[in-house]
PDB file of all heavy atoms in Angstrom:
ATOM      1  N   GLY A   1     -27.209 -60.151 -15.627  1.00  0.00           N
ATOM      2  CA  GLY A   1     -26.102 -59.940 -16.560  1.00  0.00           C
ATOM      3  C   GLY A   1     -26.217 -58.642 -17.341  1.00  0.00           C
ATOM      4  O   GLY A   1     -27.278 -58.030 -17.433  1.00  0.00           O
ATOM      5  N   LEU A   2     -25.079 -58.207 -17.909  1.00  0.00           N
ATOM      6  CA  LEU A   2     -25.027 -57.015 -18.761  1.00  0.00           C
ATOM      7  C   LEU A   2     -25.596 -55.775 -18.065  1.00  0.00           C
ATOM      8  O   LEU A   2     -26.459 -55.085 -18.599  1.00  0.00           O
ATOM      9  CB  LEU A   2     -25.757 -57.259 -20.081  1.00  0.00           C
ATOM     10  CG  LEU A   2     -24.940 -57.934 -21.183  1.00  0.00           C
ATOM     11  CD1 LEU A   2     -25.832 -58.424 -22.308  1.00  0.00           C
ATOM     12  CD2 LEU A   2     -23.889 -56.983 -21.740  1.00  0.00           C
ATOM     13  N   ASN A   3     -25.115 -55.518 -16.855  1.00  0.00           N
ATOM     14  CA  ASN A   3     -25.467 -54.302 -16.139  1.00  0.00           C
ATOM     15  C   ASN A   3     -24.183 -53.605 -15.694  1.00  0.00           C
ATOM     16  O   ASN A   3     -23.140 -53.813 -16.309  1.00  0.00           O
ATOM     17  CB  ASN A   3     -26.393 -54.628 -14.963  1.00  0.00           C
ATOM     18  CG  ASN A   3     -27.849 -54.763 -15.408  1.00  0.00           C
ATOM     19  OD1 ASN A   3     -28.502 -53.769 -15.755  1.00  0.00           O
ATOM     20  ND2 ASN A   3     -28.370 -55.988 -15.398  1.00  0.00           N
ATOM     21  N   CYS A   4     -24.247 -52.799 -14.633  1.00  0.00           N
ATOM     22  CA  CYS A   4     -23.075 -52.062 -14.147  1.00  0.00           C
ATOM     23  C   CYS A   4     -22.774 -52.410 -12.699  1.00  0.00           C
ATOM     24  O   CYS A   4     -22.401 -51.538 -11.915  1.00  0.00           O
ATOM     25  CB  CYS A   4     -23.312 -50.557 -14.277  1.00  0.00           C
ATOM     26  SG  CYS A   4     -23.874 -50.026 -15.891  1.00  0.00           S
ATOM     27  N   LEU A   5     -22.934 -53.661 -12.335  1.00  0.00           N
ATOM     28  CA  LEU A   5     -22.744 -54.082 -10.946  1.00  0.00           C
ATOM     29  C   LEU A   5     -21.259 -54.220 -10.631  1.00  0.00           C
ATOM     30  O   LEU A   5     -20.530 -54.901 -11.348  1.00  0.00           O
ATOM     31  CB  LEU A   5     -23.438 -55.426 -10.695  1.00  0.00           C
ATOM     32  CG  LEU A   5     -24.921 -55.543 -11.099  1.00  0.00           C
ATOM     33  CD1 LEU A   5     -25.438 -56.927 -10.765  1.00  0.00           C
ATOM     34  CD2 LEU A   5     -25.750 -54.478 -10.404  1.00  0.00           C
ATOM     35  N   ASP A   6     -20.813 -53.577  -9.534  1.00  0.00           N
ATOM     36  CA  ASP A   6     -19.428 -53.756  -9.107  1.00  0.00           C
ATOM     37  C   ASP A   6     -19.320 -54.747  -7.945  1.00  0.00           C
ATOM     38  O   ASP A   6     -18.229 -55.119  -7.528  1.00  0.00           O
ATOM     39  CB  ASP A   6     -18.772 -52.420  -8.739  1.00  0.00           C
ATOM     40  CG  ASP A   6     -19.558 -51.647  -7.681  1.00  0.00           C
ATOM     41  OD1 ASP A   6     -20.405 -52.254  -6.992  1.00  0.00           O
ATOM     42  OD2 ASP A   6     -19.319 -50.436  -7.541  1.00  0.00           O
ATOM     43  N   SER A   7     -20.482 -55.160  -7.433  1.00  0.00           N
ATOM     44  CA  SER A   7     -20.517 -56.195  -6.401  1.00  0.00           C
ATOM     45  C   SER A   7     -21.920 -56.805  -6.371  1.00  0.00           C
ATOM     46  O   SER A   7     -22.869 -56.219  -6.903  1.00  0.00           O
ATOM     47  CB  SER A   7     -20.157 -55.622  -5.030  1.00  0.00           C
ATOM     48  OG  SER A   7     -21.112 -54.660  -4.621  1.00  0.00           O
ATOM     49  N   ILE A   8     -22.021 -57.979  -5.751  1.00  0.00           N
ATOM     50  CA  ILE A   8     -23.317 -58.631  -5.570  1.00  0.00           C
ATOM     51  C   ILE A   8     -23.731 -58.453  -4.120  1.00  0.00           C
ATOM     52  O   ILE A   8     -22.957 -58.774  -3.221  1.00  0.00           O
ATOM     53  CB  ILE A   8     -23.241 -60.130  -5.905  1.00  0.00           C
ATOM     54  CG1 ILE A   8     -22.821 -60.323  -7.356  1.00  0.00           C
ATOM     55  CG2 ILE A   8     -24.580 -60.809  -5.667  1.00  0.00           C
ATOM     56  CD1 ILE A   8     -22.621 -61.771  -7.724  1.00  0.00           C
ATOM     57  N   PRO A   9     -24.928 -57.937  -3.856  1.00  0.00           N
ATOM     58  CA  PRO A   9     -25.367 -57.782  -2.464  1.00  0.00           C
ATOM     59  C   PRO A   9     -25.344 -59.122  -1.730  1.00  0.00           C
ATOM     60  O   PRO A   9     -25.871 -60.112  -2.227  1.00  0.00           O
ATOM     61  CB  PRO A   9     -26.801 -57.248  -2.599  1.00  0.00           C
ATOM     62  CG  PRO A   9     -26.863 -56.646  -3.965  1.00  0.00           C
ATOM     63  CD  PRO A   9     -25.946 -57.450  -4.819  1.00  0.00           C
ATOM     64  N   THR A  10     -24.714 -59.149  -0.567  1.00  0.00           N
ATOM     65  CA  THR A  10     -24.652 -60.397   0.202  1.00  0.00           C
ATOM     66  C   THR A  10     -26.043 -60.847   0.624  1.00  0.00           C
ATOM     67  O   THR A  10     -26.256 -62.034   0.894  1.00  0.00           O
ATOM     68  CB  THR A  10     -23.787 -60.214   1.462  1.00  0.00           C
ATOM     69  OG1 THR A  10     -24.312 -59.116   2.231  1.00  0.00           O
ATOM     70  CG2 THR A  10     -22.347 -59.902   1.085  1.00  0.00           C
ATOM     71  N   SER A  11     -26.999 -59.921   0.640  1.00  0.00           N
ATOM     72  CA  SER A  11     -28.365 -60.254   1.046  1.00  0.00           C
ATOM     73  C   SER A  11     -29.031 -61.239   0.086  1.00  0.00           C
ATOM     74  O   SER A  11     -30.002 -61.909   0.442  1.00  0.00           O
ATOM     75  CB  SER A  11     -29.218 -58.987   1.154  1.00  0.00           C
ATOM     76  OG  SER A  11     -29.236 -58.281  -0.075  1.00  0.00           O
ATOM     77  N   LEU A  12     -28.489 -61.353  -1.150  1.00  0.00           N
ATOM     78  CA  LEU A  12     -29.049 -62.328  -2.087  1.00  0.00           C
ATOM     79  C   LEU A  12     -28.815 -63.756  -1.594  1.00  0.00           C
ATOM     80  O   LEU A  12     -29.394 -64.694  -2.119  1.00  0.00           O
ATOM     81  CB  LEU A  12     -28.443 -62.134  -3.487  1.00  0.00           C
ATOM     82  CG  LEU A  12     -28.804 -60.849  -4.230  1.00  0.00           C
ATOM     83  CD1 LEU A  12     -28.276 -60.892  -5.656  1.00  0.00           C
ATOM     84  CD2 LEU A  12     -30.314 -60.612  -4.236  1.00  0.00           C
ATOM     85  N   GLY A  13     -27.971 -63.897  -0.593  1.00  0.00           N
ATOM     86  CA  GLY A  13     -27.755 -65.209   0.007  1.00  0.00           C
ATOM     87  C   GLY A  13     -28.985 -65.721   0.738  1.00  0.00           C
ATOM     88  O   GLY A  13     -28.995 -66.876   1.196  1.00  0.00           O
ATOM     89  N   ALA A  14     -30.020 -64.889   0.859  1.00  0.00           N
ATOM     90  CA  ALA A  14     -31.273 -65.318   1.496  1.00  0.00           C
ATOM     91  C   ALA A  14     -32.206 -66.022   0.516  1.00  0.00           C
ATOM     92  O   ALA A  14     -33.231 -66.569   0.920  1.00  0.00           O
ATOM     93  CB  ALA A  14     -31.986 -64.111   2.102  1.00  0.00           C
ATOM     94  N   LEU A  15     -31.836 -66.025  -0.772  1.00  0.00           N
ATOM     95  CA  LEU A  15     -32.693 -66.646  -1.798  1.00  0.00           C
ATOM     96  C   LEU A  15     -32.418 -68.150  -1.857  1.00  0.00           C
ATOM     97  O   LEU A  15     -31.796 -68.654  -2.803  1.00  0.00           O
ATOM     98  CB  LEU A  15     -32.448 -65.988  -3.163  1.00  0.00           C
ATOM     99  CG  LEU A  15     -32.679 -64.471  -3.218  1.00  0.00           C
ATOM    100  CD1 LEU A  15     -32.348 -63.929  -4.602  1.00  0.00           C
ATOM    101  CD2 LEU A  15     -34.126 -64.135  -2.853  1.00  0.00           C
ATOM    102  N   ASN A  16     -32.914 -68.871  -0.892  1.00  0.00           N
ATOM    103  CA  ASN A  16     -32.576 -70.290  -0.734  1.00  0.00           C
ATOM    104  C   ASN A  16     -33.141 -71.195  -1.822  1.00  0.00           C
ATOM    105  O   ASN A  16     -32.719 -72.345  -1.950  1.00  0.00           O
ATOM    106  CB  ASN A  16     -33.048 -70.783   0.638  1.00  0.00           C
ATOM    107  CG  ASN A  16     -32.204 -70.219   1.759  1.00  0.00           C
ATOM    108  OD1 ASN A  16     -31.009 -69.977   1.595  1.00  0.00           O
ATOM    109  ND2 ASN A  16     -32.822 -69.966   2.904  1.00  0.00           N
ATOM    110  N   GLU A  17     -34.119 -70.713  -2.597  1.00  0.00           N
ATOM    111  CA  GLU A  17     -34.688 -71.530  -3.669  1.00  0.00           C
ATOM    112  C   GLU A  17     -34.004 -71.274  -5.017  1.00  0.00           C
ATOM    113  O   GLU A  17     -34.325 -71.931  -6.008  1.00  0.00           O
ATOM    114  CB  GLU A  17     -36.189 -71.245  -3.807  1.00  0.00           C
ATOM    115  CG  GLU A  17     -37.017 -71.655  -2.598  1.00  0.00           C
ATOM    116  CD  GLU A  17     -36.956 -73.155  -2.350  1.00  0.00           C
ATOM    117  OE1 GLU A  17     -36.998 -73.924  -3.323  1.00  0.00           O
ATOM    118  OE2 GLU A  17     -36.849 -73.552  -1.168  1.00  0.00           O
ATOM    119  N   LEU A  18     -33.053 -70.323  -5.049  1.00  0.00           N
ATOM    120  CA  LEU A  18     -32.427 -69.936  -6.316  1.00  0.00           C
ATOM    121  C   LEU A  18     -31.626 -71.096  -6.911  1.00  0.00           C
ATOM    122  O   LEU A  18     -30.786 -71.696  -6.255  1.00  0.00           O
ATOM    123  CB  LEU A  18     -31.516 -68.735  -6.094  1.00  0.00           C
ATOM    124  CG  LEU A  18     -31.161 -67.911  -7.342  1.00  0.00           C
ATOM    125  CD1 LEU A  18     -32.415 -67.260  -7.916  1.00  0.00           C
ATOM    126  CD2 LEU A  18     -30.135 -66.843  -7.007  1.00  0.00           C
ATOM    127  N   LYS A  19     -31.894 -71.392  -8.192  1.00  0.00           N
ATOM    128  CA  LYS A  19     -31.208 -72.475  -8.897  1.00  0.00           C
ATOM    129  C   LYS A  19     -30.258 -71.959  -9.971  1.00  0.00           C
ATOM    130  O   LYS A  19     -29.252 -72.603 -10.273  1.00  0.00           O
ATOM    131  CB  LYS A  19     -32.235 -73.424  -9.538  1.00  0.00           C
ATOM    132  CG  LYS A  19     -33.081 -74.183  -8.533  1.00  0.00           C
ATOM    133  CD  LYS A  19     -34.022 -75.144  -9.244  1.00  0.00           C
ATOM    134  CE  LYS A  19     -34.831 -75.955  -8.236  1.00  0.00           C
ATOM    135  NZ  LYS A  19     -35.752 -76.900  -8.913  1.00  0.00           N
ATOM    136  N   GLU A  20     -30.596 -70.821 -10.575  1.00  0.00           N
ATOM    137  CA  GLU A  20     -29.764 -70.262 -11.646  1.00  0.00           C
ATOM    138  C   GLU A  20     -29.564 -68.761 -11.415  1.00  0.00           C
ATOM    139  O   GLU A  20     -30.518 -68.043 -11.150  1.00  0.00           O
ATOM    140  CB  GLU A  20     -30.413 -70.495 -13.011  1.00  0.00           C
ATOM    141  CG  GLU A  20     -30.627 -71.965 -13.352  1.00  0.00           C
ATOM    142  CD  GLU A  20     -31.220 -72.162 -14.743  1.00  0.00           C
ATOM    143  OE1 GLU A  20     -31.113 -71.233 -15.575  1.00  0.00           O
ATOM    144  OE2 GLU A  20     -31.799 -73.231 -14.984  1.00  0.00           O
ATOM    145  N   LEU A  21     -28.309 -68.331 -11.535  1.00  0.00           N
ATOM    146  CA  LEU A  21     -27.975 -66.910 -11.351  1.00  0.00           C
ATOM    147  C   LEU A  21     -27.037 -66.463 -12.455  1.00  0.00           C
ATOM    148  O   LEU A  21     -25.993 -67.061 -12.691  1.00  0.00           O
ATOM    149  CB  LEU A  21     -27.316 -66.695  -9.986  1.00  0.00           C
ATOM    150  CG  LEU A  21     -26.788 -65.283  -9.693  1.00  0.00           C
ATOM    151  CD1 LEU A  21     -27.926 -64.268  -9.708  1.00  0.00           C
ATOM    152  CD2 LEU A  21     -26.059 -65.247  -8.353  1.00  0.00           C
ATOM    153  N   GLY A  22     -27.406 -65.396 -13.156  1.00  0.00           N
ATOM    154  CA  GLY A  22     -26.564 -64.820 -14.199  1.00  0.00           C
ATOM    155  C   GLY A  22     -26.059 -63.454 -13.770  1.00  0.00           C
ATOM    156  O   GLY A  22     -26.860 -62.562 -13.485  1.00  0.00           O
ATOM    157  N   VAL A  23     -24.739 -63.303 -13.699  1.00  0.00           N
ATOM    158  CA  VAL A  23     -24.125 -62.003 -13.363  1.00  0.00           C
ATOM    159  C   VAL A  23     -23.002 -61.675 -14.354  1.00  0.00           C
ATOM    160  O   VAL A  23     -22.085 -60.925 -14.053  1.00  0.00           O
ATOM    161  CB  VAL A  23     -23.586 -61.995 -11.919  1.00  0.00           C
ATOM    162  CG1 VAL A  23     -24.725 -61.992 -10.917  1.00  0.00           C
ATOM    163  CG2 VAL A  23     -22.664 -63.176 -11.656  1.00  0.00           C
ATOM    164  N   PHE A  24     -23.056 -62.244 -15.535  1.00  0.00           N
ATOM    165  CA  PHE A  24     -22.037 -62.055 -16.561  1.00  0.00           C
ATOM    166  C   PHE A  24     -22.005 -60.604 -17.050  1.00  0.00           C
ATOM    167  O   PHE A  24     -22.954 -59.853 -16.914  1.00  0.00           O
ATOM    168  CB  PHE A  24     -22.305 -62.995 -17.742  1.00  0.00           C
ATOM    169  CG  PHE A  24     -23.713 -62.903 -18.285  1.00  0.00           C
ATOM    170  CD1 PHE A  24     -24.034 -62.006 -19.289  1.00  0.00           C
ATOM    171  CD2 PHE A  24     -24.720 -63.711 -17.761  1.00  0.00           C
ATOM    172  CE1 PHE A  24     -25.328 -61.904 -19.780  1.00  0.00           C
ATOM    173  CE2 PHE A  24     -26.022 -63.618 -18.240  1.00  0.00           C
ATOM    174  CZ  PHE A  24     -26.322 -62.717 -19.252  1.00  0.00           C
ATOM    175  N   ASP A  25     -20.850 -60.220 -17.614  1.00  0.00           N
ATOM    176  CA  ASP A  25     -20.684 -58.889 -18.217  1.00  0.00           C
ATOM    177  C   ASP A  25     -21.063 -57.757 -17.262  1.00  0.00           C
ATOM    178  O   ASP A  25     -21.859 -56.879 -17.578  1.00  0.00           O
ATOM    179  CB  ASP A  25     -21.504 -58.768 -19.508  1.00  0.00           C
ATOM    180  CG  ASP A  25     -20.956 -59.640 -20.625  1.00  0.00           C
ATOM    181  OD1 ASP A  25     -19.889 -59.306 -21.154  1.00  0.00           O
ATOM    182  OD2 ASP A  25     -21.578 -60.667 -20.942  1.00  0.00           O
ATOM    183  N   ASN A  26     -20.451 -57.789 -16.075  1.00  0.00           N
ATOM    184  CA  ASN A  26     -20.578 -56.689 -15.126  1.00  0.00           C
ATOM    185  C   ASN A  26     -19.172 -56.218 -14.761  1.00  0.00           C
ATOM    186  O   ASN A  26     -18.244 -56.409 -15.544  1.00  0.00           O
ATOM    187  CB  ASN A  26     -21.370 -57.143 -13.894  1.00  0.00           C
ATOM    188  CG  ASN A  26     -22.880 -57.077 -14.127  1.00  0.00           C
ATOM    189  OD1 ASN A  26     -23.470 -56.004 -14.180  1.00  0.00           O
ATOM    190  ND2 ASN A  26     -23.513 -58.253 -14.280  1.00  0.00           N
ATOM    191  N   ALA A  27     -19.019 -55.622 -13.589  1.00  0.00           N
ATOM    192  CA  ALA A  27     -17.697 -55.160 -13.140  1.00  0.00           C
ATOM    193  C   ALA A  27     -17.341 -55.814 -11.804  1.00  0.00           C
ATOM    194  O   ALA A  27     -16.738 -55.197 -10.939  1.00  0.00           O
ATOM    195  CB  ALA A  27     -17.692 -53.637 -13.012  1.00  0.00           C
ATOM    196  N   LEU A  28     -17.706 -57.072 -11.660  1.00  0.00           N
ATOM    197  CA  LEU A  28     -17.506 -57.789 -10.400  1.00  0.00           C
ATOM    198  C   LEU A  28     -16.051 -58.195 -10.217  1.00  0.00           C
ATOM    199  O   LEU A  28     -15.386 -58.618 -11.157  1.00  0.00           O
ATOM    200  CB  LEU A  28     -18.383 -59.044 -10.350  1.00  0.00           C
ATOM    201  CG  LEU A  28     -19.893 -58.833 -10.540  1.00  0.00           C
ATOM    202  CD1 LEU A  28     -20.606 -60.170 -10.583  1.00  0.00           C
ATOM    203  CD2 LEU A  28     -20.447 -57.957  -9.426  1.00  0.00           C
ATOM    204  N   THR A  29     -15.573 -58.073  -8.993  1.00  0.00           N
ATOM    205  CA  THR A  29     -14.218 -58.531  -8.673  1.00  0.00           C
ATOM    206  C   THR A  29     -14.239 -59.765  -7.785  1.00  0.00           C
ATOM    207  O   THR A  29     -13.220 -60.404  -7.587  1.00  0.00           O
ATOM    208  CB  THR A  29     -13.421 -57.418  -7.962  1.00  0.00           C
ATOM    209  OG1 THR A  29     -14.138 -56.983  -6.807  1.00  0.00           O
ATOM    210  CG2 THR A  29     -13.217 -56.228  -8.902  1.00  0.00           C
ATOM    211  N   THR A  30     -15.424 -60.110  -7.257  1.00  0.00           N
ATOM    212  CA  THR A  30     -15.545 -61.300  -6.418  1.00  0.00           C
ATOM    213  C   THR A  30     -17.006 -61.714  -6.321  1.00  0.00           C
ATOM    214  O   THR A  30     -17.903 -60.929  -6.665  1.00  0.00           O
ATOM    215  CB  THR A  30     -14.980 -61.041  -5.002  1.00  0.00           C
ATOM    216  OG1 THR A  30     -14.966 -62.258  -4.262  1.00  0.00           O
ATOM    217  CG2 THR A  30     -15.822 -60.009  -4.269  1.00  0.00           C
TER     218      THR A  30
END
């Protein structure tokens, strides 16, 4: 969260153990 991300890398879909993800306050459109 609170960075300058305009997208989330699809490669993060490999993190199969991930339970919590924060991407708030960025520039994401999807």
